[in-house]
C-alpha atoms as a PDB file:
ATOM      1  CA  MET A   1       0.000   0.000   0.000  1.00  0.00           C
ATOM      2  CA  GLY A   2       2.837   2.395   0.785  1.00  0.00           C
ATOM      3  CA  ASP A   3       4.182   2.204  -2.773  1.00  0.00           C
ATOM      4  CA  PHE A   4       0.745   2.938  -4.247  1.00  0.00           C
ATOM      5  CA  GLU A   5       0.332   5.899  -1.882  1.00  0.00           C
ATOM      6  CA  ALA A   6       3.750   7.183  -2.940  1.00  0.00           C
ATOM      7  CA  ILE A   7       2.812   6.958  -6.621  1.00  0.00           C
ATOM      8  CA  GLY A   8      -0.430   8.735  -5.816  1.00  0.00           C
ATOM      9  CA  ASP A   9       1.492  11.544  -4.128  1.00  0.00           C
ATOM     10  CA  VAL A  10       3.669  12.035  -7.218  1.00  0.00           C
ATOM     11  CA  VAL A  11       0.652  12.157  -9.531  1.00  0.00           C
ATOM     12  CA  THR A  12      -1.142  14.521  -7.146  1.00  0.00           C
ATOM     13  CA  GLY A  13       1.898  16.754  -7.064  1.00  0.00           C
ATOM     14  CA  ALA A  14       2.014  16.922 -10.838  1.00  0.00           C
ATOM     15  CA  VAL A  15      -1.688  17.733 -11.056  1.00  0.00           C
ATOM     16  CA  VAL A  16      -1.449  20.456  -8.389  1.00  0.00           C
ATOM     17  CA  ALA A  17       1.680  21.899  -9.953  1.00  0.00           C
ATOM     18  CA  GLY A  18       0.037  21.846 -13.359  1.00  0.00           C
ATOM     19  CA  ALA A  19      -2.857  23.832 -11.956  1.00  0.00           C
ATOM     20  CA  VAL A  20      -0.447  26.501 -10.713  1.00  0.00           C
ATOM     21  CA  GLU A  21       1.788  26.558 -13.794  1.00  0.00           C
ATOM     22  CA  PRO A  22       1.015  29.253 -16.390  1.00  0.00           C
ATOM     23  CA  ARG A  23      -0.332  28.018 -19.691  1.00  0.00           C
ATOM     24  CA  ALA A  24       2.032  30.078 -21.825  1.00  0.00           C
ATOM     25  CA  GLY A  25       4.336  28.003 -24.023  1.00  0.00           C
ATOM     26  CA  ARG A  26       2.268  24.815 -23.996  1.00  0.00           C
ATOM     27  CA  ARG A  27       2.289  23.013 -27.330  1.00  0.00           C
ATOM     28  CA  SER A  28      -1.064  22.456 -29.007  1.00  0.00           C
ATOM     29  CA  ALA A  29      -2.166  19.140 -30.447  1.00  0.00           C
ATOM     30  CA  ASP A  30      -4.515  18.319 -33.285  1.00  0.00           C
ATOM     31  CA  GLY A  31      -7.926  17.541 -31.874  1.00  0.00           C
ATOM     32  CA  HIS A  32     -10.822  15.580 -33.213  1.00  0.00           C
ATOM     33  CA  THR A  33     -12.939  18.698 -33.613  1.00  0.00           C
ATOM     34  CA  HIS A  34     -12.228  21.945 -35.426  1.00  0.00           C
ATOM     35  CA  GLU A  35     -14.133  24.700 -33.670  1.00  0.00           C
ATOM     36  CA  SER A  36     -14.267  28.221 -35.038  1.00  0.00           C
ATOM     37  CA  ALA A  37     -15.107  29.643 -31.608  1.00  0.00           C
ATOM     38  CA  CYS A  38     -13.611  28.985 -28.179  1.00  0.00           C
ATOM     39  CA  LEU A  39     -15.477  26.260 -26.293  1.00  0.00           C
ATOM     40  CA  ASN A  40     -14.817  28.080 -23.025  1.00  0.00           C
ATOM     41  CA  CYS A  41     -15.758  31.726 -23.659  1.00  0.00           C
ATOM     42  CA  GLY A  42     -17.148  31.702 -27.224  1.00  0.00           C
ATOM     43  CA  ALA A  43     -14.612  34.162 -28.663  1.00  0.00           C
ATOM     44  CA  PRO A  44     -13.710  33.652 -32.374  1.00  0.00           C
ATOM     45  CA  LEU A  45     -10.514  31.639 -32.818  1.00  0.00           C
ATOM     46  CA  ALA A  46      -7.616  33.129 -34.755  1.00  0.00           C
ATOM     47  CA  GLY A  47      -4.965  30.566 -33.843  1.00  0.00           C
ATOM     48  CA  PRO A  48      -4.308  27.476 -31.729  1.00  0.00           C
ATOM     49  CA  TYR A  49      -5.261  29.373 -28.534  1.00  0.00           C
ATOM     50  CA  CYS A  50      -8.141  31.652 -27.624  1.00  0.00           C
ATOM     51  CA  HIS A  51      -6.939  35.253 -27.464  1.00  0.00           C
ATOM     52  CA  GLU A  52      -9.500  36.035 -24.739  1.00  0.00           C
ATOM     53  CA  CYS A  53      -9.104  33.264 -22.159  1.00  0.00           C
ATOM     54  CA  GLY A  54      -6.030  31.333 -23.352  1.00  0.00           C
ATOM     55  CA  GLN A  55      -7.712  27.927 -23.736  1.00  0.00           C
ATOM     56  CA  ARG A  56      -6.561  25.675 -26.566  1.00  0.00           C
ATOM     57  CA  GLY A  57      -8.768  26.001 -29.565  1.00  0.00           C
ATOM     58  CA  HIS A  58      -9.075  22.296 -30.333  1.00  0.00           C
ATOM     59  CA  VAL A  59      -9.509  19.703 -27.615  1.00  0.00           C
ATOM     60  CA  HIS A  60      -9.311  15.925 -27.449  1.00  0.00           C
ATOM     61  CA  ARG A  61     -12.457  14.092 -26.438  1.00  0.00           C
ATOM     62  CA  THR A  62     -11.232  10.512 -26.096  1.00  0.00           C
ATOM     63  CA  ILE A  63     -10.125   8.295 -23.205  1.00  0.00           C
ATOM     64  CA  ALA A  64      -6.677   8.008 -24.785  1.00  0.00           C
ATOM     65  CA  ALA A  65      -6.394  11.788 -24.881  1.00  0.00           C
ATOM     66  CA  PHE A  66      -7.345  12.010 -21.198  1.00  0.00           C
ATOM     67  CA  PHE A  67      -4.531   9.681 -20.126  1.00  0.00           C
ATOM     68  CA  HIS A  68      -2.161  11.388 -22.555  1.00  0.00           C
ATOM     69  CA  ASP A  69      -2.805  14.697 -20.789  1.00  0.00           C
ATOM     70  CA  LEU A  70      -2.242  13.036 -17.407  1.00  0.00           C
ATOM     71  CA  LEU A  71       1.053  11.468 -18.473  1.00  0.00           C
ATOM     72  CA  HIS A  72       2.107  14.693 -20.147  1.00  0.00           C
ATOM     73  CA  GLY A  73       1.516  16.574 -16.924  1.00  0.00           C
ATOM     74  CA  VAL A  74       3.429  14.021 -14.824  1.00  0.00           C
ATOM     75  CA  PHE A  75       6.416  13.293 -17.039  1.00  0.00           C
ATOM     76  CA  HIS A  76       6.815  16.336 -19.303  1.00  0.00           C
ATOM     77  CA  PHE A  77       5.689  18.952 -16.785  1.00  0.00           C
ATOM     78  CA  GLU A  78       4.593  21.382 -19.440  1.00  0.00           C
ATOM     79  CA  GLY A  79       7.721  20.786 -21.544  1.00  0.00           C
ATOM     80  CA  LYS A  80       9.673  23.265 -19.391  1.00  0.00           C
ATOM     81  CA  VAL A  81      11.322  21.002 -16.858  1.00  0.00           C
ATOM     82  CA  LEU A  82      14.360  20.291 -19.034  1.00  0.00           C
ATOM     83  CA  ASN A  83      14.994  24.024 -19.270  1.00  0.00           C
ATOM     84  CA  THR A  84      14.437  24.618 -15.565  1.00  0.00           C
ATOM     85  CA  LEU A  85      16.144  21.823 -13.616  1.00  0.00           C
ATOM     86  CA  PRO A  86      19.671  22.146 -15.085  1.00  0.00           C
ATOM     87  CA  MET A  87      19.631  25.876 -14.441  1.00  0.00           C
ATOM     88  CA  LEU A  88      18.196  25.363 -10.960  1.00  0.00           C
ATOM     89  CA  ALA A  89      21.114  23.056 -10.173  1.00  0.00           C
ATOM     90  CA  TRP A  90      24.027  24.874 -11.853  1.00  0.00           C
ATOM     91  CA  ARG A  91      22.902  28.469 -12.455  1.00  0.00           C
ATOM     92  CA  PRO A  92      20.183  29.126  -9.879  1.00  0.00           C
ATOM     93  CA  GLY A  93      20.898  32.845  -9.699  1.00  0.00           C
ATOM     94  CA  GLU A  94      20.478  33.299 -13.444  1.00  0.00           C
ATOM     95  CA  LEU A  95      17.261  31.271 -13.400  1.00  0.00           C
ATOM     96  CA  THR A  96      15.877  33.394 -10.557  1.00  0.00           C
ATOM     97  CA  ARG A  97      16.812  36.674 -12.215  1.00  0.00           C
ATOM     98  CA  ARG A  98      15.493  35.684 -15.648  1.00  0.00           C
ATOM     99  CA  TYR A  99      12.167  34.604 -14.164  1.00  0.00           C
ATOM    100  CA  ILE A 100      11.897  37.837 -12.170  1.00  0.00           C
ATOM    101  CA  ASP A 101      12.686  39.858 -15.305  1.00  0.00           C
ATOM    102  CA  GLY A 102       9.775  38.260 -17.153  1.00  0.00           C
ATOM    103  CA  GLN A 103      11.091  35.170 -18.974  1.00  0.00           C
ATOM    104  CA  ARG A 104       8.241  32.842 -18.009  1.00  0.00           C
ATOM    105  CA  ALA A 105       7.470  30.705 -21.056  1.00  0.00           C
ATOM    106  CA  ARG A 106      10.750  28.733 -20.914  1.00  0.00           C
ATOM    107  CA  PHE A 107      10.728  27.838 -17.210  1.00  0.00           C
ATOM    108  CA  VAL A 108       8.544  26.076 -14.662  1.00  0.00           C
ATOM    109  CA  SER A 109       7.203  28.674 -12.266  1.00  0.00           C
ATOM    110  CA  PRO A 110       8.714  28.621  -8.756  1.00  0.00           C
ATOM    111  CA  MET A 111       5.480  27.681  -6.999  1.00  0.00           C
ATOM    112  CA  ALA A 112       4.629  24.898  -9.452  1.00  0.00           C
ATOM    113  CA  LEU A 113       8.106  23.412  -9.102  1.00  0.00           C
ATOM    114  CA  PHE A 114       7.999  23.731  -5.318  1.00  0.00           C
ATOM    115  CA  LEU A 115       4.616  21.994  -5.017  1.00  0.00           C
ATOM    116  CA  PHE A 116       5.702  19.140  -7.253  1.00  0.00           C
ATOM    117  CA  ALA A 117       9.024  18.772  -5.403  1.00  0.00           C
ATOM    118  CA  VAL A 118       7.274  18.610  -2.012  1.00  0.00           C
ATOM    119  CA  PHE A 119       4.861  15.904  -3.145  1.00  0.00           C
ATOM    120  CA  LEU A 120       7.725  14.010  -4.762  1.00  0.00           C
ATOM    121  CA  MET A 121       9.891  14.230  -1.634  1.00  0.00           C
ATOM    122  CA  PHE A 122       7.276  12.783   0.694  1.00  0.00           C
ATOM    123  CA  ALA A 123       6.363  10.120  -1.855  1.00  0.00           C
ATOM    124  CA  VAL A 124      10.006   9.022  -2.087  1.00  0.00           C
ATOM    125  CA  ILE A 125      10.482   9.092   1.691  1.00  0.00           C
ATOM    126  CA  SER A 126       7.342   6.974   2.098  1.00  0.00           C
ATOM    127  CA  ALA A 127       8.603   4.476  -0.460  1.00  0.00           C
ATOM    128  CA  VAL A 128      12.336   4.178   0.247  1.00  0.00           C
ATOM    129  CA  GLY A 129      12.953   5.945   3.537  1.00  0.00           C
ATOM    130  CA  SER A 130      14.556   9.108   4.800  1.00  0.00           C
ATOM    131  CA  PRO A 131      18.162   9.940   3.871  1.00  0.00           C
ATOM    132  CA  VAL A 132      18.933  10.605   7.530  1.00  0.00           C
ATOM    133  CA  GLY A 133      17.473   7.367   8.820  1.00  0.00           C
ATOM    134  CA  LEU A 134      14.576   8.807  10.799  1.00  0.00           C
ATOM    135  CA  ASN A 135      11.990   6.316   9.690  1.00  0.00           C
ATOM    136  CA  THR A 136      11.576   3.055  11.556  1.00  0.00           C
ATOM    137  CA  ASN A 137      10.854   0.895   8.525  1.00  0.00           C
ATOM    138  CA  GLY A 138      14.230   1.643   6.994  1.00  0.00           C
ATOM    139  CA  ALA A 139      16.068   0.634  10.184  1.00  0.00           C
ATOM    140  CA  LYS A 140      14.229  -2.466  11.287  1.00  0.00           C
ATOM    141  CA  GLY A 141      17.260  -4.643  10.804  1.00  0.00           C
ATOM    142  CA  GLY A 142      19.255  -2.580  13.281  1.00  0.00           C
ATOM    143  CA  VAL A 143      16.323  -2.462  15.712  1.00  0.00           C
ATOM    144  CA  SER A 144      15.976  -6.258  15.573  1.00  0.00           C
ATOM    145  CA  ASP A 145      19.667  -6.778  16.318  1.00  0.00           C
ATOM    146  CA  SER A 146      19.539  -4.334  19.208  1.00  0.00           C
ATOM    147  CA  ARG A 147      16.468  -6.021  20.626  1.00  0.00           C
ATOM    148  CA  VAL A 148      18.177  -9.434  20.582  1.00  0.00           C
ATOM    149  CA  LYS A 149      21.110  -7.968  22.507  1.00  0.00           C
ATOM    150  CA  ALA A 150      18.779  -6.222  24.956  1.00  0.00           C
ATOM    151  CA  ASP A 151      16.831  -9.440  25.598  1.00  0.00           C
ATOM    152  CA  ALA A 152      20.092 -11.314  26.164  1.00  0.00           C
ATOM    153  CA  ALA A 153      21.209  -8.645  28.655  1.00  0.00           C
ATOM    154  CA  VAL A 154      17.892  -8.962  30.529  1.00  0.00           C
ATOM    155  CA  ALA A 155      18.251 -12.758  30.699  1.00  0.00           C
ATOM    156  CA  THR A 156      21.826 -12.464  32.008  1.00  0.00           C
ATOM    157  CA  LEU A 157      20.838  -9.969  34.709  1.00  0.00           C
ATOM    158  CA  GLU A 158      17.872 -12.105  35.782  1.00  0.00           C
ATOM    159  CA  ARG A 159      20.200 -15.072  36.136  1.00  0.00           C
ATOM    160  CA  ASP A 160      22.681 -12.988  38.129  1.00  0.00           C
ATOM    161  CA  ARG A 161      19.861 -11.817  40.398  1.00  0.00           C
ATOM    162  CA  GLN A 162      18.694 -15.351  41.104  1.00  0.00           C
ATOM    163  CA  GLN A 163      22.240 -16.374  41.919  1.00  0.00           C
ATOM    164  CA  ALA A 164      22.614 -13.393  44.266  1.00  0.00           C
ATOM    165  CA  ILE A 165      19.384 -14.298  46.047  1.00  0.00           C
ATOM    166  CA  ALA A 166      20.492 -17.914  46.407  1.00  0.00           C
ATOM    167  CA  ALA A 167      23.813 -16.712  47.864  1.00  0.00           C
ATOM    168  CA  LYS A 168      21.929 -14.265  50.148  1.00  0.00           C
ATOM    169  CA  GLN A 169      23.747 -11.292  48.669  1.00  0.00           C
ATOM    170  CA  PRO A 170      22.270  -7.775  48.148  1.00  0.00           C
ATOM    171  CA  THR A 171      20.575  -7.284  44.760  1.00  0.00           C
ATOM    172  CA  GLY A 172      20.134  -3.500  44.702  1.00  0.00           C
ATOM    173  CA  ALA A 173      22.736  -2.780  42.008  1.00  0.00           C
ATOM    174  CA  ILE A 174      21.511  -5.688  39.886  1.00  0.00           C
ATOM    175  CA  ASP A 175      17.894  -4.569  40.260  1.00  0.00           C
ATOM    176  CA  LYS A 176      18.750  -1.106  38.943  1.00  0.00           C
ATOM    177  CA  LYS A 177      20.566  -2.511  35.924  1.00  0.00           C
ATOM    178  CA  LEU A 178      17.738  -4.981  35.315  1.00  0.00           C
ATOM    179  CA  GLU A 179      15.118  -2.217  35.371  1.00  0.00           C
ATOM    180  CA  ASP A 180      17.061  -0.189  32.804  1.00  0.00           C
ATOM    181  CA  ALA A 181      17.648  -3.229  30.578  1.00  0.00           C
ATOM    182  CA  ARG A 182      13.964  -4.195  30.634  1.00  0.00           C
ATOM    183  CA  GLY A 183      12.963  -0.633  29.741  1.00  0.00           C
ATOM    184  CA  GLU A 184      15.336  -0.582  26.756  1.00  0.00           C
ATOM    185  CA  ALA A 185      14.107  -3.992  25.584  1.00  0.00           C
ATOM    186  CA  GLN A 186      10.471  -2.832  25.814  1.00  0.00           C
ATOM    187  CA  ILE A 187      11.180   0.291  23.773  1.00  0.00           C
ATOM    188  CA  LEU A 188      12.952  -1.705  21.060  1.00  0.00           C
ATOM    189  CA  LYS A 189      10.109  -4.249  20.974  1.00  0.00           C
ATOM    190  CA  SER A 190       7.582  -1.447  20.561  1.00  0.00           C
ATOM    191  CA  ILE A 191       9.560   0.089  17.678  1.00  0.00           C
ATOM    192  CA  GLU A 192       9.976  -3.265  15.928  1.00  0.00           C
ATOM    193  CA  ASP A 193       6.357  -4.370  16.343  1.00  0.00           C
ATOM    194  CA  ARG A 194       4.397  -1.166  15.862  1.00  0.00           C
ATOM    195  CA  GLY A 195       6.843   1.586  14.961  1.00  0.00           C
ATOM    196  CA  PHE A 196       6.056   3.607  18.071  1.00  0.00           C
ATOM    197  CA  VAL A 197       8.046   4.234  21.221  1.00  0.00           C
ATOM    198  CA  LYS A 198       5.957   4.038  24.378  1.00  0.00           C
ATOM    199  CA  GLY A 199       6.505   4.651  28.039  1.00  0.00           C
ATOM    200  CA  THR A 200       9.729   6.658  27.984  1.00  0.00           C
ATOM    201  CA  ALA A 201      10.135   8.955  31.000  1.00  0.00           C
ATOM    202  CA  VAL A 202      10.614  12.542  29.845  1.00  0.00           C
ATOM    203  CA  ARG A 203      11.263  15.697  31.864  1.00  0.00           C
ATOM    204  CA  ILE A 204       9.918  18.838  30.177  1.00  0.00           C
ATOM    205  CA  SER A 205      11.135  22.237  31.327  1.00  0.00           C
ATOM    206  CA  ASP A 206       8.608  24.307  33.241  1.00  0.00           C
ATOM    207  CA  ASP A 207       9.679  27.338  31.206  1.00  0.00           C
ATOM    208  CA  LEU A 208       7.954  26.028  28.061  1.00  0.00           C
ATOM    209  CA  PRO A 209       4.505  27.482  27.329  1.00  0.00           C
ATOM    210  CA  PRO A 210       1.618  24.989  27.666  1.00  0.00           C
ATOM    211  CA  TRP A 211       0.897  24.966  23.919  1.00  0.00           C
ATOM    212  CA  LEU A 212       4.472  23.826  23.276  1.00  0.00           C
ATOM    213  CA  ALA A 213       5.132  21.666  26.356  1.00  0.00           C
ATOM    214  CA  LYS A 214       2.417  19.128  25.552  1.00  0.00           C
ATOM    215  CA  PRO A 215       3.462  18.334  21.965  1.00  0.00           C
ATOM    216  CA  VAL A 216       7.161  18.353  22.927  1.00  0.00           C
ATOM    217  CA  GLU A 217       6.482  15.808  25.668  1.00  0.00           C
ATOM    218  CA  ALA A 218       4.439  13.667  23.277  1.00  0.00           C
ATOM    219  CA  ALA A 219       7.185  13.891  20.669  1.00  0.00           C
ATOM    220  CA  ALA A 220       9.886  12.947  23.181  1.00  0.00           C
ATOM    221  CA  LYS A 221       7.894   9.932  24.340  1.00  0.00           C
ATOM    222  CA  ASN A 222       7.133   8.809  20.789  1.00  0.00           C
ATOM    223  CA  PRO A 223       9.867   9.912  18.344  1.00  0.00           C
ATOM    224  CA  ASP A 224       8.694   7.436  15.699  1.00  0.00           C
ATOM    225  CA  LEU A 225       5.157   8.749  16.039  1.00  0.00           C
ATOM    226  CA  LEU A 226       6.566  12.267  15.697  1.00  0.00           C
ATOM    227  CA  PHE A 227       8.226  11.386  12.406  1.00  0.00           C
ATOM    228  CA  TYR A 228       5.105   9.608  11.173  1.00  0.00           C
ATOM    229  CA  LYS A 229       2.965  12.686  11.821  1.00  0.00           C
ATOM    230  CA  LEU A 230       5.630  14.972  10.408  1.00  0.00           C
ATOM    231  CA  GLN A 231       5.730  12.896   7.238  1.00  0.00           C
ATOM    232  CA  ASN A 232       1.967  12.930   6.856  1.00  0.00           C
ATOM    233  CA  ASN A 233       1.262  16.513   7.850  1.00  0.00           C
ATOM    234  CA  ALA A 234       4.290  18.677   7.124  1.00  0.00           C
ATOM    235  CA  TYR A 235       3.879  18.617   3.345  1.00  0.00           C
ATOM    236  CA  LYS A 236       0.374  20.025   3.676  1.00  0.00           C
ATOM    237  CA  TYR A 237       1.788  23.114   5.350  1.00  0.00           C
ATOM    238  CA  SER A 238       5.153  23.242   3.582  1.00  0.00           C
ATOM    239  CA  TRP A 239       4.038  26.382   1.738  1.00  0.00           C
ATOM    240  CA  ALA A 240       4.305  28.195   5.102  1.00  0.00           C
ATOM    241  CA  LEU A 241       8.096  28.042   4.771  1.00  0.00           C
ATOM    242  CA  ILE A 242       7.832  30.720   2.071  1.00  0.00           C
ATOM    243  CA  PRO A 243       6.246  33.503   4.170  1.00  0.00           C
ATOM    244  CA  ILE A 244       8.350  32.416   7.164  1.00  0.00           C
ATOM    245  CA  SER A 245      11.520  32.916   5.104  1.00  0.00           C
ATOM    246  CA  LEU A 246      10.619  36.269   3.550  1.00  0.00           C
ATOM    247  CA  PRO A 247      11.469  38.486   6.567  1.00  0.00           C
ATOM    248  CA  PHE A 248      14.928  36.909   6.713  1.00  0.00           C
ATOM    249  CA  MET A 249      15.516  37.702   3.045  1.00  0.00           C
ATOM    250  CA  TRP A 250      14.532  41.312   3.746  1.00  0.00           C
ATOM    251  CA  LEU A 251      17.176  41.414   6.476  1.00  0.00           C
ATOM    252  CA  LEU A 252      19.810  40.561   3.869  1.00  0.00           C
ATOM    253  CA  PHE A 253      18.811  43.618   1.814  1.00  0.00           C
ATOM    254  CA  PRO A 254      17.267  46.056   4.326  1.00  0.00           C
ATOM    255  CA  PHE A 255      15.599  49.115   2.844  1.00  0.00           C
ATOM    256  CA  SER A 256      16.706  48.150  -0.663  1.00  0.00           C
ATOM    257  CA  ARG A 257      14.863  49.965  -3.422  1.00  0.00           C
ATOM    258  CA  ARG A 258      16.316  47.750  -6.129  1.00  0.00           C
ATOM    259  CA  TYR A 259      15.097  44.440  -4.759  1.00  0.00           C
ATOM    260  CA  ARG A 260      11.507  44.096  -3.649  1.00  0.00           C
ATOM    261  CA  ALA A 261       9.431  41.447  -1.907  1.00  0.00           C
ATOM    262  CA  TYR A 262       8.631  39.826  -5.256  1.00  0.00           C
ATOM    263  CA  ASP A 263      12.334  39.205  -5.949  1.00  0.00           C
ATOM    264  CA  HIS A 264      12.719  37.627  -2.521  1.00  0.00           C
ATOM    265  CA  ILE A 265       9.696  35.348  -2.867  1.00  0.00           C
ATOM    266  CA  VAL A 266      10.913  34.009  -6.223  1.00  0.00           C
ATOM    267  CA  PHE A 267      14.367  33.441  -4.719  1.00  0.00           C
ATOM    268  CA  VAL A 268      12.985  31.636  -1.664  1.00  0.00           C
ATOM    269  CA  THR A 269      10.581  29.434  -3.620  1.00  0.00           C
ATOM    270  CA  TYR A 270      13.171  28.289  -6.155  1.00  0.00           C
ATOM    271  CA  SER A 271      15.661  27.697  -3.322  1.00  0.00           C
ATOM    272  CA  LEU A 272      13.178  25.597  -1.340  1.00  0.00           C
ATOM    273  CA  ALA A 273      12.320  23.618  -4.473  1.00  0.00           C
ATOM    274  CA  PHE A 274      16.006  22.822  -4.995  1.00  0.00           C
ATOM    275  CA  MET A 275      16.550  21.788  -1.362  1.00  0.00           C
ATOM    276  CA  THR A 276      13.499  19.546  -1.546  1.00  0.00           C
ATOM    277  CA  LEU A 277      14.734  17.880  -4.727  1.00  0.00           C
ATOM    278  CA  LEU A 278      18.135  17.482  -3.053  1.00  0.00           C
ATOM    279  CA  VAL A 279      16.484  15.434  -0.290  1.00  0.00           C
ATOM    280  CA  VAL A 280      14.866  13.279  -2.985  1.00  0.00           C
ATOM    281  CA  ALA A 281      18.223  12.716  -4.702  1.00  0.00           C
ATOM    282  CA  ALA A 282      19.967  11.912  -1.399  1.00  0.00           C
ATOM    283  CA  SER A 283      17.245   9.393  -0.514  1.00  0.00           C
ATOM    284  CA  LEU A 284      17.532   7.619  -3.868  1.00  0.00           C
ATOM    285  CA  ILE A 285      21.348   7.598  -3.762  1.00  0.00           C
ATOM    286  CA  GLY A 286      21.278   6.239  -0.214  1.00  0.00           C
ATOM    287  CA  ILE A 287      18.846   3.448  -1.057  1.00  0.00           C
ATOM    288  CA  ALA A 288      21.064   2.521  -4.026  1.00  0.00           C
ATOM    289  CA  GLY A 289      23.856   1.724  -1.582  1.00  0.00           C
ATOM    290  CA  PHE A 290      25.924   4.888  -1.919  1.00  0.00           C
ATOM    291  CA  SER A 291      25.222   6.311   1.540  1.00  0.00           C
ATOM    292  CA  ALA A 292      28.679   7.927   1.707  1.00  0.00           C
ATOM    293  CA  VAL A 293      27.908   9.887  -1.460  1.00  0.00           C
ATOM    294  CA  ALA A 294      24.480  10.846  -0.104  1.00  0.00           C
ATOM    295  CA  GLY A 295      26.193  12.228   2.994  1.00  0.00           C
ATOM    296  CA  PHE A 296      27.906  14.880   0.892  1.00  0.00           C
ATOM    297  CA  ALA A 297      24.453  16.346   0.138  1.00  0.00           C
ATOM    298  CA  SER A 298      24.702  18.344   3.376  1.00  0.00           C
ATOM    299  CA  LEU A 299      27.593  20.340   1.845  1.00  0.00           C
ATOM    300  CA  ILE A 300      25.581  21.422  -1.193  1.00  0.00           C
ATOM    301  CA  PRO A 301      22.999  23.880   0.261  1.00  0.00           C
ATOM    302  CA  PRO A 302      25.482  26.639   1.257  1.00  0.00           C
ATOM    303  CA  ILE A 303      27.202  26.408  -2.132  1.00  0.00           C
ATOM    304  CA  HIS A 304      23.858  26.591  -3.912  1.00  0.00           C
ATOM    305  CA  MET A 305      22.714  29.562  -1.843  1.00  0.00           C
ATOM    306  CA  PHE A 306      25.980  31.364  -2.583  1.00  0.00           C
ATOM    307  CA  ARG A 307      25.597  30.865  -6.337  1.00  0.00           C
ATOM    308  CA  GLN A 308      21.938  31.828  -6.294  1.00  0.00           C
ATOM    309  CA  LEU A 309      22.587  34.981  -4.291  1.00  0.00           C
ATOM    310  CA  ARG A 310      25.374  36.087  -6.631  1.00  0.00           C
ATOM    311  CA  GLY A 311      23.325  35.643  -9.786  1.00  0.00           C
ATOM    312  CA  ALA A 312      19.919  36.761  -8.546  1.00  0.00           C
ATOM    313  CA  TYR A 313      21.094  39.897  -6.784  1.00  0.00           C
ATOM    314  CA  ASP A 314      24.191  40.751  -8.857  1.00  0.00           C
ATOM    315  CA  LEU A 315      26.530  40.501  -5.858  1.00  0.00           C
ATOM    316  CA  GLY A 316      30.279  40.304  -5.595  1.00  0.00           C
ATOM    317  CA  VAL A 317      32.061  37.404  -3.920  1.00  0.00           C
ATOM    318  CA  TRP A 318      32.265  39.072  -0.511  1.00  0.00           C
ATOM    319  CA  GLY A 319      28.689  40.367  -0.602  1.00  0.00           C
ATOM    320  CA  ALA A 320      27.377  36.928  -1.502  1.00  0.00           C
ATOM    321  CA  LEU A 321      29.623  35.181   1.042  1.00  0.00           C
ATOM    322  CA  TRP A 322      28.510  37.030   4.172  1.00  0.00           C
ATOM    323  CA  ARG A 323      24.889  36.833   3.083  1.00  0.00           C
ATOM    324  CA  THR A 324      25.282  33.078   2.554  1.00  0.00           C
ATOM    325  CA  LEU A 325      26.559  32.675   6.109  1.00  0.00           C
ATOM    326  CA  LEU A 326      23.604  34.624   7.447  1.00  0.00           C
ATOM    327  CA  LEU A 327      21.155  32.834   5.165  1.00  0.00           C
ATOM    328  CA  THR A 328      22.386  29.449   6.436  1.00  0.00           C
ATOM    329  CA  LEU A 329      21.612  30.582   9.983  1.00  0.00           C
ATOM    330  CA  PHE A 330      18.283  32.064   8.898  1.00  0.00           C
ATOM    331  CA  ALA A 331      17.318  28.818   7.152  1.00  0.00           C
ATOM    332  CA  THR A 332      17.865  26.886  10.375  1.00  0.00           C
ATOM    333  CA  ILE A 333      15.740  29.381  12.307  1.00  0.00           C
ATOM    334  CA  ALA A 334      13.010  29.205   9.644  1.00  0.00           C
ATOM    335  CA  ILE A 335      12.853  25.418   9.924  1.00  0.00           C
ATOM    336  CA  LEU A 336      12.585  25.634  13.722  1.00  0.00           C
ATOM    337  CA  LEU A 337       9.801  28.198  13.363  1.00  0.00           C
ATOM    338  CA  PHE A 338       8.049  25.892  10.904  1.00  0.00           C
ATOM    339  CA  VAL A 339       8.197  22.983  13.363  1.00  0.00           C
ATOM    340  CA  ALA A 340       6.949  25.293  16.129  1.00  0.00           C
ATOM    341  CA  LEU A 341       4.063  26.260  13.842  1.00  0.00           C
ATOM    342  CA  LEU A 342       3.153  22.598  13.413  1.00  0.00           C
ATOM    343  CA  PHE A 343       3.250  22.192  17.203  1.00  0.00           C
ATOM    344  CA  ALA A 344       1.004  25.234  17.627  1.00  0.00           C
ATOM    345  CA  LEU A 345      -1.480  23.792  15.128  1.00  0.00           C
ATOM    346  CA  GLY A 346      -1.640  20.625  17.202  1.00  0.00           C
ATOM    347  CA  LEU A 347      -0.360  18.347  14.476  1.00  0.00           C
ATOM    348  CA  PHE A 348       1.775  16.392  16.947  1.00  0.00           C
ATOM    349  CA  ASP A 349      -0.844  15.929  19.654  1.00  0.00           C
END
C-alpha cells in the first residue's frame, strides 16, 4: 500500500503543480474537432489558442487523450522542466533573475516546481525511507539486532539476580541494571512491532509554554510517532516556509529599493524547491547503496545559496559570502519556526 500511496502523491503533485503553472508556451495538439469559436468563452478563434481566455482552440475528447494529458503533466511537466532543472542546479541565480525579469514561457514557475518537489519528496520518503534514517521501517534490521542484545542482557541480569538471592547477597545494584535493561528492551520491541516508542520517561522544562510543552512531551515519548505525523502533515503546510523565510531575506537587503518582496519570494521558492529535490536525490542515492555519497548532500545547500545569491542579486564574492553565512543561519531558524508552527497547530498531539 505504501508504494501505491507514494505513486499517488507524485501524480497529485504533478496535477497540483500543473494547476499553478502558467499556460504560456504549452504546445497544441490536433484535436478531433475543429471549432471556429472557443469552447470556453465563445470568442472567435484566430490561432491554436483563444486570445481572450487562453484555452486551446481544439480539444481531445477521447479516453486516450485524457490519459495522454495526465502522463504529459506528470512526465513532461509542461515541456519546461528540461529548461528549468539544469539551471536550478548549476545556475540558480540566473534562473531566478530571468524569471523575475519576465522570462516565463521557458521555465517552470517557482510555486509549481515547489509543489511538485514537495509531493515528490514525501512520496520518495514513504517508499524508500529518509536519507537521515529517521523512519523506523528503513532501520528495522538494526532495531531487531539491538532487541536481541537487549533481551540477552535482561536474561543475564535475571540469572545474576537469582544467583545473588540464592547466595543471600544484596541485589540492589543488579535490580537497577535490570530495570534499565527491561525498559530498553520494551522500547525496542515497541519500535519493531508497531513503529512507536511508548513509556519513555521525559522531563519537560517548566519554562515552556503549555501549547508547546504538551506536543514536545508527546514527541519525546514517541519519536517514531513524531516522524510519522511529520511525514503525513508537514507537506500540507510546507508552503508556510515561504512567508516564514521572507522576513529573513529582507534582512539581507534592508531598505533596498532595487530588490523588492517579489524578488525575494521568487528566490525563496526556487531555493526551497532545490533543497526539496536534493532530499529526494539523497534518498535515492542512499537506497542505491551509496550512503557515503548521499552524505555529501549536506555540503551542497550553502554552495547553492551562494551561487543563487550572486546571480539573482548581482553581488560580488564578498557580498554573496557574508549573506550566505547569514542565510544558512536564517534557514535553520526558519525550519525551527516551521516545526513550532506545526506544534502550535496541534499536528503532533
